Amino acid sequence: MEKGLWLFVAQDIIFRTLIELHQLKGEEGDKWLSDFEAELIRDTKDLVPQGLGMEDEIAGYESMIGYIQYLFGGVRRKIAKKPEGQ
């Protein structure tokens, strides 16, 4: 349970940080967010440990990419719902 709570808190911190950075970028915020997401997805190749079987490696990549897309999708939904100027 403790690890689940830590993950929830870390995820909320990531959401809030990405939203604030998006706002700081102003008109370039949407482009920056998309570019950053794409960069993280490209970099997943460096995160999967060496020596895994092909199936485990593919599952690892798919899991990481899915989580990145989940996080950024959530950030975009929160940004879309946020009133202008907040």
PDB file of N, CA and C in Angstrom:
ATOM      1  N   MET A   1       0.825  -1.193   0.000  1.00  0.00           N
ATOM      2  CA  MET A   1       0.000   0.000   0.000  1.00  0.00           C
ATOM      3  C   MET A   1       0.870   1.257   0.000  1.00  0.00           C
ATOM      4  N   GLU A   2       1.950   1.206   0.752  1.00  0.00           N
ATOM      5  CA  GLU A   2       2.825   2.377   0.826  1.00  0.00           C
ATOM      6  C   GLU A   2       3.402   2.728  -0.539  1.00  0.00           C
ATOM      7  N   LYS A   3       3.826   1.710  -1.312  1.00  0.00           N
ATOM      8  CA  LYS A   3       4.364   1.974  -2.644  1.00  0.00           C
ATOM      9  C   LYS A   3       3.304   2.578  -3.553  1.00  0.00           C
ATOM     10  N   GLY A   4       2.069   2.124  -3.409  1.00  0.00           N
ATOM     11  CA  GLY A   4       0.977   2.682  -4.199  1.00  0.00           C
ATOM     12  C   GLY A   4       0.751   4.148  -3.880  1.00  0.00           C
ATOM     13  N   LEU A   5       0.829   4.495  -2.603  1.00  0.00           N
ATOM     14  CA  LEU A   5       0.672   5.899  -2.211  1.00  0.00           C
ATOM     15  C   LEU A   5       1.815   6.752  -2.749  1.00  0.00           C
ATOM     16  N   TRP A   6       3.035   6.222  -2.691  1.00  0.00           N
ATOM     17  CA  TRP A   6       4.183   6.957  -3.233  1.00  0.00           C
ATOM     18  C   TRP A   6       4.019   7.187  -4.724  1.00  0.00           C
ATOM     19  N   LEU A   7       3.546   6.163  -5.437  1.00  0.00           N
ATOM     20  CA  LEU A   7       3.327   6.301  -6.872  1.00  0.00           C
ATOM     21  C   LEU A   7       2.264   7.353  -7.163  1.00  0.00           C
ATOM     22  N   PHE A   8       1.194   7.352  -6.375  1.00  0.00           N
ATOM     23  CA  PHE A   8       0.131   8.338  -6.558  1.00  0.00           C
ATOM     24  C   PHE A   8       0.660   9.749  -6.330  1.00  0.00           C
ATOM     25  N   VAL A   9       1.440   9.948  -5.270  1.00  0.00           N
ATOM     26  CA  VAL A   9       1.999  11.273  -4.967  1.00  0.00           C
ATOM     27  C   VAL A   9       2.976  11.695  -6.061  1.00  0.00           C
ATOM     28  N   ALA A  10       3.843  10.773  -6.487  1.00  0.00           N
ATOM     29  CA  ALA A  10       4.806  11.098  -7.542  1.00  0.00           C
ATOM     30  C   ALA A  10       4.088  11.478  -8.831  1.00  0.00           C
ATOM     31  N   GLN A  11       3.038  10.746  -9.159  1.00  0.00           N
ATOM     32  CA  GLN A  11       2.279  11.045 -10.374  1.00  0.00           C
ATOM     33  C   GLN A  11       1.638  12.424 -10.289  1.00  0.00           C
ATOM     34  N   ASP A  12       1.092  12.771  -9.134  1.00  0.00           N
ATOM     35  CA  ASP A  12       0.483  14.091  -8.960  1.00  0.00           C
ATOM     36  C   ASP A  12       1.538  15.195  -9.088  1.00  0.00           C
ATOM     37  N   ILE A  13       2.714  14.954  -8.547  1.00  0.00           N
ATOM     38  CA  ILE A  13       3.807  15.928  -8.667  1.00  0.00           C
ATOM     39  C   ILE A  13       4.182  16.113 -10.137  1.00  0.00           C
ATOM     40  N   ILE A  14       4.257  15.012 -10.872  1.00  0.00           N
ATOM     41  CA  ILE A  14       4.582  15.096 -12.302  1.00  0.00           C
ATOM     42  C   ILE A  14       3.501  15.876 -13.043  1.00  0.00           C
ATOM     43  N   PHE A  15       2.232  15.563 -12.785  1.00  0.00           N
ATOM     44  CA  PHE A  15       1.130  16.289 -13.428  1.00  0.00           C
ATOM     45  C   PHE A  15       1.253  17.787 -13.173  1.00  0.00           C
ATOM     46  N   ARG A  16       1.386  18.153 -11.903  1.00  0.00           N
ATOM     47  CA  ARG A  16       1.438  19.575 -11.546  1.00  0.00           C
ATOM     48  C   ARG A  16       2.648  20.275 -12.157  1.00  0.00           C
ATOM     49  N   THR A  17       3.782  19.602 -12.164  1.00  0.00           N
ATOM     50  CA  THR A  17       4.998  20.187 -12.738  1.00  0.00           C
ATOM     51  C   THR A  17       4.835  20.405 -14.230  1.00  0.00           C
ATOM     52  N   LEU A  18       4.320  19.402 -14.941  1.00  0.00           N
ATOM     53  CA  LEU A  18       4.133  19.554 -16.385  1.00  0.00           C
ATOM     54  C   LEU A  18       3.129  20.654 -16.703  1.00  0.00           C
ATOM     55  N   ILE A  19       2.073  20.779 -15.913  1.00  0.00           N
ATOM     56  CA  ILE A  19       1.083  21.843 -16.133  1.00  0.00           C
ATOM     57  C   ILE A  19       1.727  23.211 -15.929  1.00  0.00           C
ATOM     58  N   GLU A  20       2.508  23.354 -14.865  1.00  0.00           N
ATOM     59  CA  GLU A  20       3.174  24.635 -14.597  1.00  0.00           C
ATOM     60  C   GLU A  20       4.180  24.970 -15.696  1.00  0.00           C
ATOM     61  N   LEU A  21       4.959  23.984 -16.135  1.00  0.00           N
ATOM     62  CA  LEU A  21       5.916  24.228 -17.214  1.00  0.00           C
ATOM     63  C   LEU A  21       5.190  24.609 -18.504  1.00  0.00           C
ATOM     64  N   HIS A  22       4.074  23.946 -18.776  1.00  0.00           N
ATOM     65  CA  HIS A  22       3.257  24.285 -19.955  1.00  0.00           C
ATOM     66  C   HIS A  22       2.837  25.748 -19.889  1.00  0.00           C
ATOM     67  N   GLN A  23       2.396  26.187 -18.723  1.00  0.00           N
ATOM     68  CA  GLN A  23       1.963  27.580 -18.570  1.00  0.00           C
ATOM     69  C   GLN A  23       3.125  28.546 -18.741  1.00  0.00           C
ATOM     70  N   LEU A  24       4.292  28.180 -18.207  1.00  0.00           N
ATOM     71  CA  LEU A  24       5.464  29.051 -18.327  1.00  0.00           C
ATOM     72  C   LEU A  24       5.904  29.218 -19.777  1.00  0.00           C
ATOM     73  N   LYS A  25       5.642  28.223 -20.606  1.00  0.00           N
ATOM     74  CA  LYS A  25       6.019  28.284 -22.017  1.00  0.00           C
ATOM     75  C   LYS A  25       5.076  29.163 -22.824  1.00  0.00           C
ATOM     76  N   GLY A  26       3.954  29.564 -22.233  1.00  0.00           N
ATOM     77  CA  GLY A  26       3.019  30.460 -22.906  1.00  0.00           C
ATOM     78  C   GLY A  26       2.435  29.839 -24.165  1.00  0.00           C
ATOM     79  N   GLU A  27       2.489  30.587 -25.250  1.00  0.00           N
ATOM     80  CA  GLU A  27       1.916  30.122 -26.522  1.00  0.00           C
ATOM     81  C   GLU A  27       2.624  28.884 -27.063  1.00  0.00           C
ATOM     82  N   GLU A  28       3.837  28.652 -26.648  1.00  0.00           N
ATOM     83  CA  GLU A  28       4.609  27.489 -27.101  1.00  0.00           C
ATOM     84  C   GLU A  28       4.365  26.264 -26.209  1.00  0.00           C
ATOM     85  N   GLY A  29       3.484  26.387 -25.231  1.00  0.00           N
ATOM     86  CA  GLY A  29       3.262  25.322 -24.263  1.00  0.00           C
ATOM     87  C   GLY A  29       2.818  24.001 -24.865  1.00  0.00           C
ATOM     88  N   ASP A  30       1.871  24.048 -25.799  1.00  0.00           N
ATOM     89  CA  ASP A  30       1.379  22.810 -26.411  1.00  0.00           C
ATOM     90  C   ASP A  30       2.485  22.116 -27.218  1.00  0.00           C
ATOM     91  N   LYS A  31       3.235  22.903 -27.979  1.00  0.00           N
ATOM     92  CA  LYS A  31       4.332  22.332 -28.774  1.00  0.00           C
ATOM     93  C   LYS A  31       5.395  21.752 -27.849  1.00  0.00           C
ATOM     94  N   TRP A  32       5.742  22.477 -26.801  1.00  0.00           N
ATOM     95  CA  TRP A  32       6.746  21.995 -25.858  1.00  0.00           C
ATOM     96  C   TRP A  32       6.305  20.671 -25.235  1.00  0.00           C
ATOM     97  N   LEU A  33       5.045  20.590 -24.822  1.00  0.00           N
ATOM     98  CA  LEU A  33       4.537  19.380 -24.193  1.00  0.00           C
ATOM     99  C   LEU A  33       4.613  18.194 -25.157  1.00  0.00           C
ATOM    100  N   SER A  34       4.221  18.405 -26.395  1.00  0.00           N
ATOM    101  CA  SER A  34       4.281  17.336 -27.400  1.00  0.00           C
ATOM    102  C   SER A  34       5.728  16.922 -27.693  1.00  0.00           C
ATOM    103  N   ASP A  35       6.607  17.901 -27.811  1.00  0.00           N
ATOM    104  CA  ASP A  35       8.022  17.599 -28.064  1.00  0.00           C
ATOM    105  C   ASP A  35       8.640  16.826 -26.903  1.00  0.00           C
ATOM    106  N   PHE A  36       8.307  17.222 -25.684  1.00  0.00           N
ATOM    107  CA  PHE A  36       8.851  16.556 -24.498  1.00  0.00           C
ATOM    108  C   PHE A  36       8.343  15.117 -24.408  1.00  0.00           C
ATOM    109  N   GLU A  37       7.063  14.918 -24.678  1.00  0.00           N
ATOM    110  CA  GLU A  37       6.498  13.570 -24.678  1.00  0.00           C
ATOM    111  C   GLU A  37       7.206  12.696 -25.719  1.00  0.00           C
ATOM    112  N   ALA A  38       7.381  13.220 -26.906  1.00  0.00           N
ATOM    113  CA  ALA A  38       8.050  12.466 -27.975  1.00  0.00           C
ATOM    114  C   ALA A  38       9.490  12.116 -27.585  1.00  0.00           C
ATOM    115  N   GLU A  39      10.175  13.044 -26.947  1.00  0.00           N
ATOM    116  CA  GLU A  39      11.550  12.796 -26.511  1.00  0.00           C
ATOM    117  C   GLU A  39      11.598  11.679 -25.468  1.00  0.00           C
ATOM    118  N   LEU A  40      10.674  11.707 -24.515  1.00  0.00           N
ATOM    119  CA  LEU A  40      10.635  10.655 -23.500  1.00  0.00           C
ATOM    120  C   LEU A  40      10.355   9.294 -24.127  1.00  0.00           C
ATOM    121  N   ILE A  41       9.457   9.259 -25.082  1.00  0.00           N
ATOM    122  CA  ILE A  41       9.145   7.992 -25.758  1.00  0.00           C
ATOM    123  C   ILE A  41      10.369   7.482 -26.516  1.00  0.00           C
ATOM    124  N   ARG A  42      11.066   8.379 -27.205  1.00  0.00           N
ATOM    125  CA  ARG A  42      12.285   7.962 -27.925  1.00  0.00           C
ATOM    126  C   ARG A  42      13.338   7.421 -26.961  1.00  0.00           C
ATOM    127  N   ASP A  43      13.408   8.008 -25.776  1.00  0.00           N
ATOM    128  CA  ASP A  43      14.431   7.622 -24.802  1.00  0.00           C
ATOM    129  C   ASP A  43      14.108   6.343 -24.042  1.00  0.00           C
ATOM    130  N   THR A  44      12.946   5.749 -24.263  1.00  0.00           N
ATOM    131  CA  THR A  44      12.620   4.521 -23.533  1.00  0.00           C
ATOM    132  C   THR A  44      13.599   3.396 -23.857  1.00  0.00           C
ATOM    133  N   LYS A  45      14.221   3.451 -25.012  1.00  0.00           N
ATOM    134  CA  LYS A  45      15.172   2.394 -25.386  1.00  0.00           C
ATOM    135  C   LYS A  45      16.324   2.312 -24.388  1.00  0.00           C
ATOM    136  N   ASP A  46      16.637   3.419 -23.731  1.00  0.00           N
ATOM    137  CA  ASP A  46      17.728   3.439 -22.751  1.00  0.00           C
ATOM    138  C   ASP A  46      17.279   2.995 -21.360  1.00  0.00           C
ATOM    139  N   LEU A  47      15.979   2.812 -21.164  1.00  0.00           N
ATOM    140  CA  LEU A  47      15.467   2.484 -19.840  1.00  0.00           C
ATOM    141  C   LEU A  47      15.253   0.993 -19.604  1.00  0.00           C
ATOM    142  N   VAL A  48      15.105   0.230 -20.679  1.00  0.00           N
ATOM    143  CA  VAL A  48      14.875  -1.204 -20.534  1.00  0.00           C
ATOM    144  C   VAL A  48      16.220  -1.880 -20.267  1.00  0.00           C
ATOM    145  N   PRO A  49      16.300  -2.663 -19.188  1.00  0.00           N
ATOM    146  CA  PRO A  49      17.574  -3.335 -18.853  1.00  0.00           C
ATOM    147  C   PRO A  49      18.037  -4.279 -19.962  1.00  0.00           C
ATOM    148  N   GLN A  50      19.330  -4.390 -20.125  1.00  0.00           N
ATOM    149  CA  GLN A  50      19.924  -5.308 -21.102  1.00  0.00           C
ATOM    150  C   GLN A  50      19.777  -6.740 -20.610  1.00  0.00           C
ATOM    151  N   GLY A  51      19.761  -7.680 -21.539  1.00  0.00           N
ATOM    152  CA  GLY A  51      19.740  -9.083 -21.180  1.00  0.00           C
ATOM    153  C   GLY A  51      18.361  -9.686 -21.007  1.00  0.00           C
ATOM    154  N   LEU A  52      17.317  -8.916 -21.270  1.00  0.00           N
ATOM    155  CA  LEU A  52      15.960  -9.458 -21.190  1.00  0.00           C
ATOM    156  C   LEU A  52      15.638 -10.222 -22.458  1.00  0.00           C
ATOM    157  N   GLY A  53      14.705 -11.149 -22.351  1.00  0.00           N
ATOM    158  CA  GLY A  53      14.210 -11.822 -23.543  1.00  0.00           C
ATOM    159  C   GLY A  53      13.435 -10.845 -24.402  1.00  0.00           C
ATOM    160  N   MET A  54      13.292 -11.144 -25.671  1.00  0.00           N
ATOM    161  CA  MET A  54      12.620 -10.247 -26.614  1.00  0.00           C
ATOM    162  C   MET A  54      11.200  -9.915 -26.162  1.00  0.00           C
ATOM    163  N   GLU A  55      10.446 -10.900 -25.708  1.00  0.00           N
ATOM    164  CA  GLU A  55       9.065 -10.648 -25.275  1.00  0.00           C
ATOM    165  C   GLU A  55       9.023  -9.712 -24.077  1.00  0.00           C
ATOM    166  N   ASP A  56       9.924  -9.917 -23.111  1.00  0.00           N
ATOM    167  CA  ASP A  56       9.967  -9.046 -21.939  1.00  0.00           C
ATOM    168  C   ASP A  56      10.404  -7.638 -22.309  1.00  0.00           C
ATOM    169  N   GLU A  57      11.339  -7.541 -23.241  1.00  0.00           N
ATOM    170  CA  GLU A  57      11.803  -6.235 -23.697  1.00  0.00           C
ATOM    171  C   GLU A  57      10.673  -5.468 -24.374  1.00  0.00           C
ATOM    172  N   ILE A  58       9.956  -6.131 -25.252  1.00  0.00           N
ATOM    173  CA  ILE A  58       8.835  -5.501 -25.946  1.00  0.00           C
ATOM    174  C   ILE A  58       7.756  -5.093 -24.947  1.00  0.00           C
ATOM    175  N   ALA A  59       7.452  -5.974 -23.999  1.00  0.00           N
ATOM    176  CA  ALA A  59       6.447  -5.650 -22.971  1.00  0.00           C
ATOM    177  C   ALA A  59       6.893  -4.451 -22.147  1.00  0.00           C
ATOM    178  N   GLY A  60       8.185  -4.375 -21.852  1.00  0.00           N
ATOM    179  CA  GLY A  60       8.714  -3.230 -21.096  1.00  0.00           C
ATOM    180  C   GLY A  60       8.552  -1.929 -21.854  1.00  0.00           C
ATOM    181  N   TYR A  61       8.910  -1.947 -23.134  1.00  0.00           N
ATOM    182  CA  TYR A  61       8.745  -0.749 -23.968  1.00  0.00           C
ATOM    183  C   TYR A  61       7.274  -0.338 -24.042  1.00  0.00           C
ATOM    184  N   GLU A  62       6.412  -1.296 -24.314  1.00  0.00           N
ATOM    185  CA  GLU A  62       4.988  -0.985 -24.436  1.00  0.00           C
ATOM    186  C   GLU A  62       4.429  -0.424 -23.134  1.00  0.00           C
ATOM    187  N   SER A  63       4.860  -0.983 -22.028  1.00  0.00           N
ATOM    188  CA  SER A  63       4.394  -0.511 -20.720  1.00  0.00           C
ATOM    189  C   SER A  63       4.852   0.928 -20.459  1.00  0.00           C
ATOM    190  N   MET A  64       6.135   1.194 -20.716  1.00  0.00           N
ATOM    191  CA  MET A  64       6.662   2.542 -20.491  1.00  0.00           C
ATOM    192  C   MET A  64       6.019   3.567 -21.417  1.00  0.00           C
ATOM    193  N   ILE A  65       5.887   3.224 -22.675  1.00  0.00           N
ATOM    194  CA  ILE A  65       5.272   4.149 -23.637  1.00  0.00           C
ATOM    195  C   ILE A  65       3.817   4.405 -23.261  1.00  0.00           C
ATOM    196  N   GLY A  66       3.108   3.354 -22.866  1.00  0.00           N
ATOM    197  CA  GLY A  66       1.722   3.516 -22.428  1.00  0.00           C
ATOM    198  C   GLY A  66       1.606   4.431 -21.222  1.00  0.00           C
ATOM    199  N   TYR A  67       2.535   4.299 -20.279  1.00  0.00           N
ATOM    200  CA  TYR A  67       2.495   5.146 -19.086  1.00  0.00           C
ATOM    201  C   TYR A  67       2.809   6.598 -19.430  1.00  0.00           C
ATOM    202  N   ILE A  68       3.783   6.811 -20.294  1.00  0.00           N
ATOM    203  CA  ILE A  68       4.099   8.180 -20.728  1.00  0.00           C
ATOM    204  C   ILE A  68       2.880   8.806 -21.402  1.00  0.00           C
ATOM    205  N   GLN A  69       2.239   8.059 -22.289  1.00  0.00           N
ATOM    206  CA  GLN A  69       1.053   8.573 -22.977  1.00  0.00           C
ATOM    207  C   GLN A  69      -0.085   8.828 -21.994  1.00  0.00           C
ATOM    208  N   TYR A  70      -0.226   7.957 -21.006  1.00  0.00           N
ATOM    209  CA  TYR A  70      -1.245   8.146 -19.965  1.00  0.00           C
ATOM    210  C   TYR A  70      -0.984   9.439 -19.198  1.00  0.00           C
ATOM    211  N   LEU A  71       0.258   9.654 -18.767  1.00  0.00           N
ATOM    212  CA  LEU A  71       0.599  10.864 -18.014  1.00  0.00           C
ATOM    213  C   LEU A  71       0.336  12.125 -18.832  1.00  0.00           C
ATOM    214  N   PHE A  72       0.843  12.158 -20.047  1.00  0.00           N
ATOM    215  CA  PHE A  72       0.692  13.357 -20.857  1.00  0.00           C
ATOM    216  C   PHE A  72      -0.755  13.572 -21.287  1.00  0.00           C
ATOM    217  N   GLY A  73      -1.487  12.491 -21.511  1.00  0.00           N
ATOM    218  CA  GLY A  73      -2.917  12.619 -21.813  1.00  0.00           C
ATOM    219  C   GLY A  73      -3.664  13.240 -20.643  1.00  0.00           C
ATOM    220  N   GLY A  74      -3.322  12.792 -19.424  1.00  0.00           N
ATOM    221  CA  GLY A  74      -3.931  13.363 -18.232  1.00  0.00           C
ATOM    222  C   GLY A  74      -3.598  14.840 -18.069  1.00  0.00           C
ATOM    223  N   VAL A  75      -2.365  15.191 -18.350  1.00  0.00           N
ATOM    224  CA  VAL A  75      -1.951  16.595 -18.272  1.00  0.00           C
ATOM    225  C   VAL A  75      -2.737  17.427 -19.279  1.00  0.00           C
ATOM    226  N   ARG A  76      -2.870  16.929 -20.490  1.00  0.00           N
ATOM    227  CA  ARG A  76      -3.615  17.664 -21.514  1.00  0.00           C
ATOM    228  C   ARG A  76      -5.084  17.833 -21.119  1.00  0.00           C
ATOM    229  N   ARG A  77      -5.668  16.789 -20.538  1.00  0.00           N
ATOM    230  CA  ARG A  77      -7.072  16.907 -20.100  1.00  0.00           C
ATOM    231  C   ARG A  77      -7.215  17.941 -18.982  1.00  0.00           C
ATOM    232  N   LYS A  78      -6.262  17.953 -18.051  1.00  0.00           N
ATOM    233  CA  LYS A  78      -6.321  18.945 -16.971  1.00  0.00           C
ATOM    234  C   LYS A  78      -6.119  20.356 -17.502  1.00  0.00           C
ATOM    235  N   ILE A  79      -5.213  20.509 -18.455  1.00  0.00           N
ATOM    236  CA  ILE A  79      -4.979  21.829 -19.052  1.00  0.00           C
ATOM    237  C   ILE A  79      -6.232  22.297 -19.788  1.00  0.00           C
ATOM    238  N   ALA A  80      -6.874  21.416 -20.505  1.00  0.00           N
ATOM    239  CA  ALA A  80      -8.084  21.765 -21.276  1.00  0.00           C
ATOM    240  C   ALA A  80      -9.222  22.204 -20.362  1.00  0.00           C
ATOM    241  N   LYS A  81      -9.298  21.646 -19.163  1.00  0.00           N
ATOM    242  CA  LYS A  81     -10.367  21.979 -18.218  1.00  0.00           C
ATOM    243  C   LYS A  81     -10.065  23.208 -17.379  1.00  0.00           C
ATOM    244  N   LYS A  82      -8.793  23.615 -17.351  1.00  0.00           N
ATOM    245  CA  LYS A  82      -8.377  24.715 -16.500  1.00  0.00           C
ATOM    246  C   LYS A  82      -8.836  26.051 -17.091  1.00  0.00           C
ATOM    247  N   PRO A  83      -9.541  26.875 -16.297  1.00  0.00           N
ATOM    248  CA  PRO A  83      -9.957  28.183 -16.795  1.00  0.00           C
ATOM    249  C   PRO A  83      -8.766  29.062 -17.155  1.00  0.00           C
ATOM    250  N   GLU A  84      -8.919  29.904 -18.138  1.00  0.00           N
ATOM    251  CA  GLU A  84      -7.870  30.818 -18.584  1.00  0.00           C
ATOM    252  C   GLU A  84      -7.388  31.677 -17.418  1.00  0.00           C
ATOM    253  N   GLY A  85      -6.068  31.838 -17.294  1.00  0.00           N
ATOM    254  CA  GLY A  85      -5.493  32.702 -16.277  1.00  0.00           C
ATOM    255  C   GLY A  85      -5.219  32.006 -14.959  1.00  0.00           C
ATOM    256  N   GLN A  86      -5.496  30.715 -14.862  1.00  0.00           N
ATOM    257  CA  GLN A  86      -5.213  30.006 -13.598  1.00  0.00           C
ATOM    258  C   GLN A  86      -4.019  29.132 -13.745  1.00  0.00           C
TER     259      GLN A  86
END
